Amino acid sequence: MWDEREPRTSWTFLTHHARVLLMVSRDAEARLRDLAAVCGLTERAVQAIVTDLENAGYLTHTRHGRRNHYRVARGTHFRHPAEARHEIAGLLALFADPDADSGPATPNGDHHDERP
């Protein structure tokens, strides 16, 4: 019998795509293996997600030596019609850096310290 205190499934509010995008926004030079480790995915899955995000215009990358440097297009909008009027910048700002104590982030991702 199912116990009502236990969750019936293991689901989260953020998709793998959202989680990878957030991790890339925190570290533009993150390696796929690092993203995979943090997100609990395989490198192959992260590569597919990064490709999806690039093809949809959420990410671009440039090569710096042997590493990729990613750039998040913060002005892009959510894909689903229910959220399509919102830019992803709000999501990125909400989850910008949970460990940071540098004040709120602006929509472009810059942090401003409001302390005197």
PDB file of N, CA and C in Angstrom:
ATOM      1  N   MET A   1       0.834  -1.177   0.000  1.00  0.00           N
ATOM      2  CA  MET A   1       0.000   0.000   0.000  1.00  0.00           C
ATOM      3  C   MET A   1       0.884   1.247   0.000  1.00  0.00           C
ATOM      4  N   TRP A   2       0.458   2.282  -0.727  1.00  0.00           N
ATOM      5  CA  TRP A   2       1.215   3.515  -0.876  1.00  0.00           C
ATOM      6  C   TRP A   2       1.073   4.378   0.362  1.00  0.00           C
ATOM      7  N   ASP A   3       2.175   4.843   0.876  1.00  0.00           N
ATOM      8  CA  ASP A   3       2.200   5.720   2.043  1.00  0.00           C
ATOM      9  C   ASP A   3       2.088   7.170   1.552  1.00  0.00           C
ATOM     10  N   GLU A   4       1.066   7.911   1.983  1.00  0.00           N
ATOM     11  CA  GLU A   4       0.825   9.271   1.516  1.00  0.00           C
ATOM     12  C   GLU A   4       1.935  10.242   1.885  1.00  0.00           C
ATOM     13  N   ARG A   5       2.769   9.913   2.838  1.00  0.00           N
ATOM     14  CA  ARG A   5       3.882  10.793   3.215  1.00  0.00           C
ATOM     15  C   ARG A   5       5.048  10.650   2.249  1.00  0.00           C
ATOM     16  N   GLU A   6       5.119   9.562   1.510  1.00  0.00           N
ATOM     17  CA  GLU A   6       6.203   9.303   0.563  1.00  0.00           C
ATOM     18  C   GLU A   6       5.819   9.795  -0.833  1.00  0.00           C
ATOM     19  N   PRO A   7       6.747  10.389  -1.556  1.00  0.00           N
ATOM     20  CA  PRO A   7       6.434  10.780  -2.934  1.00  0.00           C
ATOM     21  C   PRO A   7       6.249   9.531  -3.802  1.00  0.00           C
ATOM     22  N   ARG A   8       5.298   9.610  -4.735  1.00  0.00           N
ATOM     23  CA  ARG A   8       5.026   8.469  -5.606  1.00  0.00           C
ATOM     24  C   ARG A   8       6.074   8.324  -6.695  1.00  0.00           C
ATOM     25  N   THR A   9       6.652   9.420  -7.117  1.00  0.00           N
ATOM     26  CA  THR A   9       7.682   9.393  -8.152  1.00  0.00           C
ATOM     27  C   THR A   9       8.806  10.317  -7.748  1.00  0.00           C
ATOM     28  N   SER A  10       9.932  10.164  -8.391  1.00  0.00           N
ATOM     29  CA  SER A  10      11.035  11.092  -8.126  1.00  0.00           C
ATOM     30  C   SER A  10      11.116  12.052  -9.307  1.00  0.00           C
ATOM     31  N   TRP A  11      10.538  13.226  -9.123  1.00  0.00           N
ATOM     32  CA  TRP A  11      10.559  14.246 -10.165  1.00  0.00           C
ATOM     33  C   TRP A  11      11.047  15.544  -9.555  1.00  0.00           C
ATOM     34  N   THR A  12      11.457  16.453 -10.426  1.00  0.00           N
ATOM     35  CA  THR A  12      11.915  17.756  -9.965  1.00  0.00           C
ATOM     36  C   THR A  12      11.224  18.834 -10.795  1.00  0.00           C
ATOM     37  N   PHE A  13      11.262  20.057 -10.320  1.00  0.00           N
ATOM     38  CA  PHE A  13      10.642  21.154 -11.047  1.00  0.00           C
ATOM     39  C   PHE A  13      11.471  21.590 -12.255  1.00  0.00           C
ATOM     40  N   LEU A  14      12.769  21.442 -12.189  1.00  0.00           N
ATOM     41  CA  LEU A  14      13.623  21.855 -13.299  1.00  0.00           C
ATOM     42  C   LEU A  14      13.959  20.660 -14.182  1.00  0.00           C
ATOM     43  N   THR A  15      13.917  20.871 -15.486  1.00  0.00           N
ATOM     44  CA  THR A  15      14.293  19.824 -16.430  1.00  0.00           C
ATOM     45  C   THR A  15      15.813  19.735 -16.505  1.00  0.00           C
ATOM     46  N   HIS A  16      16.289  18.701 -17.143  1.00  0.00           N
ATOM     47  CA  HIS A  16      17.736  18.575 -17.362  1.00  0.00           C
ATOM     48  C   HIS A  16      18.241  19.743 -18.211  1.00  0.00           C
ATOM     49  N   HIS A  17      17.455  20.163 -19.193  1.00  0.00           N
ATOM     50  CA  HIS A  17      17.856  21.288 -20.037  1.00  0.00           C
ATOM     51  C   HIS A  17      18.012  22.562 -19.196  1.00  0.00           C
ATOM     52  N   ALA A  18      17.066  22.815 -18.319  1.00  0.00           N
ATOM     53  CA  ALA A  18      17.154  24.006 -17.469  1.00  0.00           C
ATOM     54  C   ALA A  18      18.363  23.921 -16.556  1.00  0.00           C
ATOM     55  N   ARG A  19      18.605  22.757 -15.998  1.00  0.00           N
ATOM     56  CA  ARG A  19      19.719  22.594 -15.072  1.00  0.00           C
ATOM     57  C   ARG A  19      21.057  22.803 -15.791  1.00  0.00           C
ATOM     58  N   VAL A  20      21.217  22.250 -16.987  1.00  0.00           N
ATOM     59  CA  VAL A  20      22.458  22.444 -17.749  1.00  0.00           C
ATOM     60  C   VAL A  20      22.624  23.919 -18.096  1.00  0.00           C
ATOM     61  N   LEU A  21      21.545  24.567 -18.527  1.00  0.00           N
ATOM     62  CA  LEU A  21      21.621  25.991 -18.858  1.00  0.00           C
ATOM     63  C   LEU A  21      22.036  26.812 -17.641  1.00  0.00           C
ATOM     64  N   LEU A  22      21.497  26.501 -16.480  1.00  0.00           N
ATOM     65  CA  LEU A  22      21.870  27.208 -15.255  1.00  0.00           C
ATOM     66  C   LEU A  22      23.335  26.992 -14.909  1.00  0.00           C
ATOM     67  N   MET A  23      23.808  25.764 -15.045  1.00  0.00           N
ATOM     68  CA  MET A  23      25.208  25.479 -14.729  1.00  0.00           C
ATOM     69  C   MET A  23      26.143  26.210 -15.685  1.00  0.00           C
ATOM     70  N   VAL A  24      25.785  26.254 -16.967  1.00  0.00           N
ATOM     71  CA  VAL A  24      26.602  26.972 -17.948  1.00  0.00           C
ATOM     72  C   VAL A  24      26.581  28.470 -17.648  1.00  0.00           C
ATOM     73  N   SER A  25      25.433  28.991 -17.199  1.00  0.00           N
ATOM     74  CA  SER A  25      25.370  30.425 -16.884  1.00  0.00           C
ATOM     75  C   SER A  25      26.251  30.760 -15.685  1.00  0.00           C
ATOM     76  N   ARG A  26      26.472  29.803 -14.798  1.00  0.00           N
ATOM     77  CA  ARG A  26      27.347  30.016 -13.640  1.00  0.00           C
ATOM     78  C   ARG A  26      28.820  29.916 -14.002  1.00  0.00           C
ATOM     79  N   ASP A  27      29.126  29.052 -14.990  1.00  0.00           N
ATOM     80  CA  ASP A  27      30.523  28.847 -15.386  1.00  0.00           C
ATOM     81  C   ASP A  27      30.581  28.636 -16.887  1.00  0.00           C
ATOM     82  N   ALA A  28      30.875  29.694 -17.615  1.00  0.00           N
ATOM     83  CA  ALA A  28      30.873  29.670 -19.079  1.00  0.00           C
ATOM     84  C   ALA A  28      31.939  28.752 -19.664  1.00  0.00           C
ATOM     85  N   GLU A  29      32.917  28.346 -18.858  1.00  0.00           N
ATOM     86  CA  GLU A  29      33.979  27.474 -19.361  1.00  0.00           C
ATOM     87  C   GLU A  29      33.901  26.077 -18.762  1.00  0.00           C
ATOM     88  N   ALA A  30      32.751  25.730 -18.225  1.00  0.00           N
ATOM     89  CA  ALA A  30      32.578  24.399 -17.635  1.00  0.00           C
ATOM     90  C   ALA A  30      32.748  23.329 -18.716  1.00  0.00           C
ATOM     91  N   ARG A  31      33.403  22.250 -18.333  1.00  0.00           N
ATOM     92  CA  ARG A  31      33.560  21.119 -19.249  1.00  0.00           C
ATOM     93  C   ARG A  31      32.309  20.251 -19.190  1.00  0.00           C
ATOM     94  N   LEU A  32      32.045  19.545 -20.276  1.00  0.00           N
ATOM     95  CA  LEU A  32      30.872  18.676 -20.321  1.00  0.00           C
ATOM     96  C   LEU A  32      30.893  17.663 -19.189  1.00  0.00           C
ATOM     97  N   ARG A  33      32.069  17.135 -18.872  1.00  0.00           N
ATOM     98  CA  ARG A  33      32.148  16.142 -17.794  1.00  0.00           C
ATOM     99  C   ARG A  33      31.792  16.749 -16.442  1.00  0.00           C
ATOM    100  N   ASP A  34      32.158  18.031 -16.249  1.00  0.00           N
ATOM    101  CA  ASP A  34      31.803  18.708 -15.002  1.00  0.00           C
ATOM    102  C   ASP A  34      30.299  18.958 -14.926  1.00  0.00           C
ATOM    103  N   LEU A  35      29.715  19.394 -16.044  1.00  0.00           N
ATOM    104  CA  LEU A  35      28.271  19.599 -16.094  1.00  0.00           C
ATOM    105  C   LEU A  35      27.538  18.288 -15.827  1.00  0.00           C
ATOM    106  N   ALA A  36      28.035  17.223 -16.427  1.00  0.00           N
ATOM    107  CA  ALA A  36      27.414  15.907 -16.249  1.00  0.00           C
ATOM    108  C   ALA A  36      27.441  15.494 -14.781  1.00  0.00           C
ATOM    109  N   ALA A  37      28.574  15.711 -14.127  1.00  0.00           N
ATOM    110  CA  ALA A  37      28.701  15.321 -12.723  1.00  0.00           C
ATOM    111  C   ALA A  37      27.741  16.108 -11.839  1.00  0.00           C
ATOM    112  N   VAL A  38      27.671  17.416 -12.043  1.00  0.00           N
ATOM    113  CA  VAL A  38      26.801  18.259 -11.227  1.00  0.00           C
ATOM    114  C   VAL A  38      25.324  17.950 -11.482  1.00  0.00           C
ATOM    115  N   CYS A  39      24.982  17.692 -12.734  1.00  0.00           N
ATOM    116  CA  CYS A  39      23.575  17.473 -13.098  1.00  0.00           C
ATOM    117  C   CYS A  39      23.139  16.018 -12.939  1.00  0.00           C
ATOM    118  N   GLY A  40      24.082  15.113 -12.665  1.00  0.00           N
ATOM    119  CA  GLY A  40      23.731  13.710 -12.515  1.00  0.00           C
ATOM    120  C   GLY A  40      23.365  13.050 -13.831  1.00  0.00           C
ATOM    121  N   LEU A  41      24.039  13.443 -14.896  1.00  0.00           N
ATOM    122  CA  LEU A  41      23.778  12.917 -16.235  1.00  0.00           C
ATOM    123  C   LEU A  41      25.063  12.359 -16.828  1.00  0.00           C
ATOM    124  N   THR A  42      24.928  11.687 -17.952  1.00  0.00           N
ATOM    125  CA  THR A  42      26.111  11.233 -18.673  1.00  0.00           C
ATOM    126  C   THR A  42      26.648  12.379 -19.527  1.00  0.00           C
ATOM    127  N   GLU A  43      27.913  12.292 -19.898  1.00  0.00           N
ATOM    128  CA  GLU A  43      28.490  13.308 -20.783  1.00  0.00           C
ATOM    129  C   GLU A  43      27.753  13.345 -22.106  1.00  0.00           C
ATOM    130  N   ARG A  44      27.365  12.176 -22.599  1.00  0.00           N
ATOM    131  CA  ARG A  44      26.637  12.095 -23.868  1.00  0.00           C
ATOM    132  C   ARG A  44      25.294  12.828 -23.766  1.00  0.00           C
ATOM    133  N   ALA A  45      24.594  12.659 -22.642  1.00  0.00           N
ATOM    134  CA  ALA A  45      23.309  13.342 -22.440  1.00  0.00           C
ATOM    135  C   ALA A  45      23.513  14.854 -22.383  1.00  0.00           C
ATOM    136  N   VAL A  46      24.560  15.289 -21.687  1.00  0.00           N
ATOM    137  CA  VAL A  46      24.841  16.725 -21.591  1.00  0.00           C
ATOM    138  C   VAL A  46      25.207  17.279 -22.960  1.00  0.00           C
ATOM    139  N   GLN A  47      25.978  16.540 -23.737  1.00  0.00           N
ATOM    140  CA  GLN A  47      26.326  16.991 -25.091  1.00  0.00           C
ATOM    141  C   GLN A  47      25.065  17.172 -25.934  1.00  0.00           C
ATOM    142  N   ALA A  48      24.132  16.249 -25.837  1.00  0.00           N
ATOM    143  CA  ALA A  48      22.875  16.358 -26.586  1.00  0.00           C
ATOM    144  C   ALA A  48      22.072  17.576 -26.121  1.00  0.00           C
ATOM    145  N   ILE A  49      22.048  17.824 -24.821  1.00  0.00           N
ATOM    146  CA  ILE A  49      21.318  18.971 -24.276  1.00  0.00           C
ATOM    147  C   ILE A  49      21.969  20.276 -24.729  1.00  0.00           C
ATOM    148  N   VAL A  50      23.290  20.350 -24.668  1.00  0.00           N
ATOM    149  CA  VAL A  50      23.998  21.550 -25.118  1.00  0.00           C
ATOM    150  C   VAL A  50      23.706  21.797 -26.595  1.00  0.00           C
ATOM    151  N   THR A  51      23.698  20.745 -27.391  1.00  0.00           N
ATOM    152  CA  THR A  51      23.364  20.875 -28.816  1.00  0.00           C
ATOM    153  C   THR A  51      21.944  21.393 -28.989  1.00  0.00           C
ATOM    154  N   ASP A  52      20.999  20.847 -28.227  1.00  0.00           N
ATOM    155  CA  ASP A  52      19.614  21.337 -28.272  1.00  0.00           C
ATOM    156  C   ASP A  52      19.554  22.819 -27.933  1.00  0.00           C
ATOM    157  N   LEU A  53      20.238  23.213 -26.861  1.00  0.00           N
ATOM    158  CA  LEU A  53      20.215  24.602 -26.411  1.00  0.00           C
ATOM    159  C   LEU A  53      20.856  25.532 -27.436  1.00  0.00           C
ATOM    160  N   GLU A  54      21.927  25.069 -28.080  1.00  0.00           N
ATOM    161  CA  GLU A  54      22.558  25.876 -29.124  1.00  0.00           C
ATOM    162  C   GLU A  54      21.645  25.995 -30.341  1.00  0.00           C
ATOM    163  N   ASN A  55      21.070  24.879 -30.768  1.00  0.00           N
ATOM    164  CA  ASN A  55      20.185  24.894 -31.936  1.00  0.00           C
ATOM    165  C   ASN A  55      18.960  25.777 -31.717  1.00  0.00           C
ATOM    166  N   ALA A  56      18.500  25.876 -30.473  1.00  0.00           N
ATOM    167  CA  ALA A  56      17.334  26.694 -30.151  1.00  0.00           C
ATOM    168  C   ALA A  56      17.700  28.152 -29.888  1.00  0.00           C
ATOM    169  N   GLY A  57      18.995  28.487 -29.888  1.00  0.00           N
ATOM    170  CA  GLY A  57      19.428  29.866 -29.704  1.00  0.00           C
ATOM    171  C   GLY A  57      19.649  30.297 -28.268  1.00  0.00           C
ATOM    172  N   TYR A  58      19.621  29.346 -27.319  1.00  0.00           N
ATOM    173  CA  TYR A  58      19.838  29.691 -25.913  1.00  0.00           C
ATOM    174  C   TYR A  58      21.317  29.790 -25.566  1.00  0.00           C
ATOM    175  N   LEU A  59      22.156  29.100 -26.305  1.00  0.00           N
ATOM    176  CA  LEU A  59      23.600  29.068 -26.064  1.00  0.00           C
ATOM    177  C   LEU A  59      24.350  29.270 -27.368  1.00  0.00           C
ATOM    178  N   THR A  60      25.517  29.863 -27.263  1.00  0.00           N
ATOM    179  CA  THR A  60      26.505  29.846 -28.342  1.00  0.00           C
ATOM    180  C   THR A  60      27.823  29.469 -27.698  1.00  0.00           C
ATOM    181  N   HIS A  61      28.761  29.035 -28.504  1.00  0.00           N
ATOM    182  CA  HIS A  61      30.075  28.740 -27.936  1.00  0.00           C
ATOM    183  C   HIS A  61      31.165  29.180 -28.892  1.00  0.00           C
ATOM    184  N   THR A  62      32.294  29.516 -28.296  1.00  0.00           N
ATOM    185  CA  THR A  62      33.506  29.803 -29.049  1.00  0.00           C
ATOM    186  C   THR A  62      34.605  28.951 -28.451  1.00  0.00           C
ATOM    187  N   ARG A  63      35.559  28.648 -29.267  1.00  0.00           N
ATOM    188  CA  ARG A  63      36.675  27.814 -28.841  1.00  0.00           C
ATOM    189  C   ARG A  63      37.780  28.701 -28.294  1.00  0.00           C
ATOM    190  N   HIS A  64      38.265  28.417 -27.097  1.00  0.00           N
ATOM    191  CA  HIS A  64      39.415  29.101 -26.496  1.00  0.00           C
ATOM    192  C   HIS A  64      40.460  28.032 -26.235  1.00  0.00           C
ATOM    193  N   GLY A  65      41.388  27.885 -27.149  1.00  0.00           N
ATOM    194  CA  GLY A  65      42.372  26.813 -27.015  1.00  0.00           C
ATOM    195  C   GLY A  65      41.685  25.466 -27.146  1.00  0.00           C
ATOM    196  N   ARG A  66      41.813  24.653 -26.120  1.00  0.00           N
ATOM    197  CA  ARG A  66      41.185  23.330 -26.134  1.00  0.00           C
ATOM    198  C   ARG A  66      39.826  23.324 -25.444  1.00  0.00           C
ATOM    199  N   ARG A  67      39.381  24.467 -24.960  1.00  0.00           N
ATOM    200  CA  ARG A  67      38.133  24.553 -24.191  1.00  0.00           C
ATOM    201  C   ARG A  67      37.078  25.348 -24.942  1.00  0.00           C
ATOM    202  N   ASN A  68      35.840  25.034 -24.676  1.00  0.00           N
ATOM    203  CA  ASN A  68      34.723  25.824 -25.183  1.00  0.00           C
ATOM    204  C   ASN A  68      34.367  26.892 -24.159  1.00  0.00           C
ATOM    205  N   HIS A  69      34.009  28.050 -24.643  1.00  0.00           N
ATOM    206  CA  HIS A  69      33.496  29.129 -23.804  1.00  0.00           C
ATOM    207  C   HIS A  69      32.061  29.371 -24.267  1.00  0.00           C
ATOM    208  N   TYR A  70      31.114  29.175 -23.366  1.00  0.00           N
ATOM    209  CA  TYR A  70      29.704  29.294 -23.712  1.00  0.00           C
ATOM    210  C   TYR A  70      29.177  30.675 -23.361  1.00  0.00           C
ATOM    211  N   ARG A  71      28.210  31.101 -24.131  1.00  0.00           N
ATOM    212  CA  ARG A  71      27.530  32.368 -23.853  1.00  0.00           C
ATOM    213  C   ARG A  71      26.038  32.083 -23.862  1.00  0.00           C
ATOM    214  N   VAL A  72      25.370  32.442 -22.781  1.00  0.00           N
ATOM    215  CA  VAL A  72      23.930  32.244 -22.669  1.00  0.00           C
ATOM    216  C   VAL A  72      23.235  33.478 -23.242  1.00  0.00           C
ATOM    217  N   ALA A  73      22.277  33.251 -24.117  1.00  0.00           N
ATOM    218  CA  ALA A  73      21.474  34.333 -24.702  1.00  0.00           C
ATOM    219  C   ALA A  73      20.327  34.631 -23.739  1.00  0.00           C
ATOM    220  N   ARG A  74      20.577  35.503 -22.783  1.00  0.00           N
ATOM    221  CA  ARG A  74      19.636  35.763 -21.691  1.00  0.00           C
ATOM    222  C   ARG A  74      18.326  36.388 -22.156  1.00  0.00           C
ATOM    223  N   GLY A  75      18.304  37.004 -23.314  1.00  0.00           N
ATOM    224  CA  GLY A  75      17.095  37.653 -23.816  1.00  0.00           C
ATOM    225  C   GLY A  75      16.138  36.713 -24.524  1.00  0.00           C
ATOM    226  N   THR A  76      16.504  35.449 -24.635  1.00  0.00           N
ATOM    227  CA  THR A  76      15.601  34.501 -25.293  1.00  0.00           C
ATOM    228  C   THR A  76      14.440  34.173 -24.366  1.00  0.00           C
ATOM    229  N   HIS A  77      13.359  33.734 -24.965  1.00  0.00           N
ATOM    230  CA  HIS A  77      12.137  33.450 -24.220  1.00  0.00           C
ATOM    231  C   HIS A  77      11.957  31.956 -24.016  1.00  0.00           C
ATOM    232  N   PHE A  78      11.159  31.611 -23.011  1.00  0.00           N
ATOM    233  CA  PHE A  78      10.831  30.212 -22.773  1.00  0.00           C
ATOM    234  C   PHE A  78      10.120  29.635 -23.996  1.00  0.00           C
ATOM    235  N   ARG A  79      10.256  28.347 -24.199  1.00  0.00           N
ATOM    236  CA  ARG A  79       9.707  27.693 -25.383  1.00  0.00           C
ATOM    237  C   ARG A  79       8.219  27.389 -25.274  1.00  0.00           C
ATOM    238  N   HIS A  80       7.748  27.044 -24.113  1.00  0.00           N
ATOM    239  CA  HIS A  80       6.347  26.642 -23.970  1.00  0.00           C
ATOM    240  C   HIS A  80       5.443  27.872 -24.065  1.00  0.00           C
ATOM    241  N   PRO A  81       4.322  27.763 -24.779  1.00  0.00           N
ATOM    242  CA  PRO A  81       3.431  28.921 -24.934  1.00  0.00           C
ATOM    243  C   PRO A  81       2.966  29.534 -23.605  1.00  0.00           C
ATOM    244  N   ALA A  82       2.838  28.740 -22.564  1.00  0.00           N
ATOM    245  CA  ALA A  82       2.382  29.258 -21.274  1.00  0.00           C
ATOM    246  C   ALA A  82       3.387  30.227 -20.655  1.00  0.00           C
ATOM    247  N   GLU A  83       4.675  30.080 -20.988  1.00  0.00           N
ATOM    248  CA  GLU A  83       5.720  30.950 -20.433  1.00  0.00           C
ATOM    249  C   GLU A  83       6.421  31.780 -21.498  1.00  0.00           C
ATOM    250  N   ALA A  84       5.989  31.700 -22.733  1.00  0.00           N
ATOM    251  CA  ALA A  84       6.715  32.284 -23.868  1.00  0.00           C
ATOM    252  C   ALA A  84       6.897  33.798 -23.778  1.00  0.00           C
ATOM    253  N   ARG A  85       6.099  34.478 -22.978  1.00  0.00           N
ATOM    254  CA  ARG A  85       6.269  35.930 -22.860  1.00  0.00           C
ATOM    255  C   ARG A  85       7.389  36.301 -21.896  1.00  0.00           C
ATOM    256  N   HIS A  86       7.948  35.322 -21.197  1.00  0.00           N
ATOM    257  CA  HIS A  86       9.012  35.576 -20.227  1.00  0.00           C
ATOM    258  C   HIS A  86      10.383  35.231 -20.796  1.00  0.00           C
ATOM    259  N   GLU A  87      11.351  36.101 -20.522  1.00  0.00           N
ATOM    260  CA  GLU A  87      12.735  35.825 -20.900  1.00  0.00           C
ATOM    261  C   GLU A  87      13.355  34.868 -19.879  1.00  0.00           C
ATOM    262  N   ILE A  88      14.328  34.097 -20.322  1.00  0.00           N
ATOM    263  CA  ILE A  88      15.000  33.159 -19.424  1.00  0.00           C
ATOM    264  C   ILE A  88      15.884  33.872 -18.412  1.00  0.00           C
ATOM    265  N   ALA A  89      16.138  35.164 -18.619  1.00  0.00           N
ATOM    266  CA  ALA A  89      16.981  35.931 -17.698  1.00  0.00           C
ATOM    267  C   ALA A  89      16.449  35.870 -16.272  1.00  0.00           C
ATOM    268  N   GLY A  90      15.137  35.850 -16.116  1.00  0.00           N
ATOM    269  CA  GLY A  90      14.547  35.784 -14.778  1.00  0.00           C
ATOM    270  C   GLY A  90      14.879  34.483 -14.080  1.00  0.00           C
ATOM    271  N   LEU A  91      14.807  33.376 -14.815  1.00  0.00           N
ATOM    272  CA  LEU A  91      15.162  32.073 -14.252  1.00  0.00           C
ATOM    273  C   LEU A  91      16.642  32.045 -13.886  1.00  0.00           C
ATOM    274  N   LEU A  92      17.473  32.545 -14.773  1.00  0.00           N
ATOM    275  CA  LEU A  92      18.912  32.559 -14.517  1.00  0.00           C
ATOM    276  C   LEU A  92      19.242  33.411 -13.297  1.00  0.00           C
ATOM    277  N   ALA A  93      18.568  34.543 -13.162  1.00  0.00           N
ATOM    278  CA  ALA A  93      18.817  35.411 -12.005  1.00  0.00           C
ATOM    279  C   ALA A  93      18.354  34.744 -10.715  1.00  0.00           C
ATOM    280  N   LEU A  94      17.239  34.038 -10.784  1.00  0.00           N
ATOM    281  CA  LEU A  94      16.705  33.369  -9.604  1.00  0.00           C
ATOM    282  C   LEU A  94      17.677  32.325  -9.065  1.00  0.00           C
ATOM    283  N   PHE A  95      18.332  31.612  -9.974  1.00  0.00           N
ATOM    284  CA  PHE A  95      19.236  30.536  -9.573  1.00  0.00           C
ATOM    285  C   PHE A  95      20.702  30.874  -9.859  1.00  0.00           C
ATOM    286  N   ALA A  96      21.029  32.151  -9.995  1.00  0.00           N
ATOM    287  CA  ALA A  96      22.359  32.571 -10.442  1.00  0.00           C
ATOM    288  C   ALA A  96      23.484  31.891  -9.682  1.00  0.00           C
ATOM    289  N   ASP A  97      23.546  32.066  -8.397  1.00  0.00           N
ATOM    290  CA  ASP A  97      24.598  31.441  -7.601  1.00  0.00           C
ATOM    291  C   ASP A  97      24.083  31.319  -6.176  1.00  0.00           C
ATOM    292  N   PRO A  98      23.606  30.155  -5.805  1.00  0.00           N
ATOM    293  CA  PRO A  98      22.994  30.000  -4.488  1.00  0.00           C
ATOM    294  C   PRO A  98      23.949  30.259  -3.329  1.00  0.00           C
ATOM    295  N   ASP A  99      25.253  30.211  -3.577  1.00  0.00           N
ATOM    296  CA  ASP A  99      26.219  30.408  -2.509  1.00  0.00           C
ATOM    297  C   ASP A  99      26.710  31.849  -2.413  1.00  0.00           C
ATOM    298  N   ALA A 100      26.332  32.672  -3.386  1.00  0.00           N
ATOM    299  CA  ALA A 100      26.834  34.046  -3.421  1.00  0.00           C
ATOM    300  C   ALA A 100      26.125  34.905  -2.388  1.00  0.00           C
ATOM    301  N   ASP A 101      26.884  35.816  -1.786  1.00  0.00           N
ATOM    302  CA  ASP A 101      26.315  36.777  -0.849  1.00  0.00           C
ATOM    303  C   ASP A 101      26.692  38.170  -1.330  1.00  0.00           C
ATOM    304  N   SER A 102      26.407  38.406  -2.617  1.00  0.00           N
ATOM    305  CA  SER A 102      26.838  39.673  -3.203  1.00  0.00           C
ATOM    306  C   SER A 102      25.671  40.523  -3.653  1.00  0.00           C
ATOM    307  N   GLY A 103      24.508  40.338  -3.092  1.00  0.00           N
ATOM    308  CA  GLY A 103      23.361  41.154  -3.450  1.00  0.00           C
ATOM    309  C   GLY A 103      22.603  40.559  -4.612  1.00  0.00           C
ATOM    310  N   PRO A 104      21.503  41.187  -4.988  1.00  0.00           N
ATOM    311  CA  PRO A 104      20.662  40.662  -6.053  1.00  0.00           C
ATOM    312  C   PRO A 104      21.311  40.830  -7.419  1.00  0.00           C
ATOM    313  N   ALA A 105      20.933  39.951  -8.336  1.00  0.00           N
ATOM    314  CA  ALA A 105      21.451  40.023  -9.699  1.00  0.00           C
ATOM    315  C   ALA A 105      20.526  40.880 -10.548  1.00  0.00           C
ATOM    316  N   THR A 106      21.117  41.607 -11.498  1.00  0.00           N
ATOM    317  CA  THR A 106      20.331  42.364 -12.460  1.00  0.00           C
ATOM    318  C   THR A 106      19.933  41.408 -13.570  1.00  0.00           C
ATOM    319  N   PRO A 107      18.996  41.783 -14.456  1.00  0.00           N
ATOM    320  CA  PRO A 107      18.576  40.879 -15.528  1.00  0.00           C
ATOM    321  C   PRO A 107      19.712  40.418 -16.435  1.00  0.00           C
ATOM    322  N   ASN A 108      20.798  41.190 -16.550  1.00  0.00           N
ATOM    323  CA  ASN A 108      21.901  40.752 -17.397  1.00  0.00           C
ATOM    324  C   ASN A 108      22.889  39.861 -16.646  1.00  0.00           C
ATOM    325  N   GLY A 109      22.577  39.553 -15.385  1.00  0.00           N
ATOM    326  CA  GLY A 109      23.402  38.630 -14.623  1.00  0.00           C
ATOM    327  C   GLY A 109      24.445  39.284 -13.746  1.00  0.00           C
ATOM    328  N   ASP A 110      24.596  40.625 -13.850  1.00  0.00           N
ATOM    329  CA  ASP A 110      25.565  41.315 -12.993  1.00  0.00           C
ATOM    330  C   ASP A 110      25.041  41.382 -11.578  1.00  0.00           C
ATOM    331  N   HIS A 111      25.914  41.280 -10.626  1.00  0.00           N
ATOM    332  CA  HIS A 111      25.535  41.358  -9.219  1.00  0.00           C
ATOM    333  C   HIS A 111      25.903  42.737  -8.693  1.00  0.00           C
ATOM    334  N   HIS A 112      24.989  43.312  -7.949  1.00  0.00           N
ATOM    335  CA  HIS A 112      25.244  44.609  -7.328  1.00  0.00           C
ATOM    336  C   HIS A 112      25.062  44.452  -5.837  1.00  0.00           C
ATOM    337  N   ASP A 113      26.054  44.835  -5.122  1.00  0.00           N
ATOM    338  CA  ASP A 113      26.013  44.757  -3.679  1.00  0.00           C
ATOM    339  C   ASP A 113      25.271  45.968  -3.142  1.00  0.00           C
ATOM    340  N   GLU A 114      24.189  45.725  -2.412  1.00  0.00           N
ATOM    341  CA  GLU A 114      23.400  46.828  -1.888  1.00  0.00           C
ATOM    342  C   GLU A 114      23.832  47.247  -0.487  1.00  0.00           C
ATOM    343  N   ARG A 115      24.866  46.619   0.043  1.00  0.00           N
ATOM    344  CA  ARG A 115      25.355  46.994   1.373  1.00  0.00           C
ATOM    345  C   ARG A 115      26.116  48.305   1.283  1.00  0.00           C
ATOM    346  N   PRO A 116      26.060  49.135   2.332  1.00  0.00           N
ATOM    347  CA  PRO A 116      26.793  50.421   2.306  1.00  0.00           C
ATOM    348  C   PRO A 116      28.285  50.233   2.299  1.00  0.00           C
TER     349      PRO A 116
END
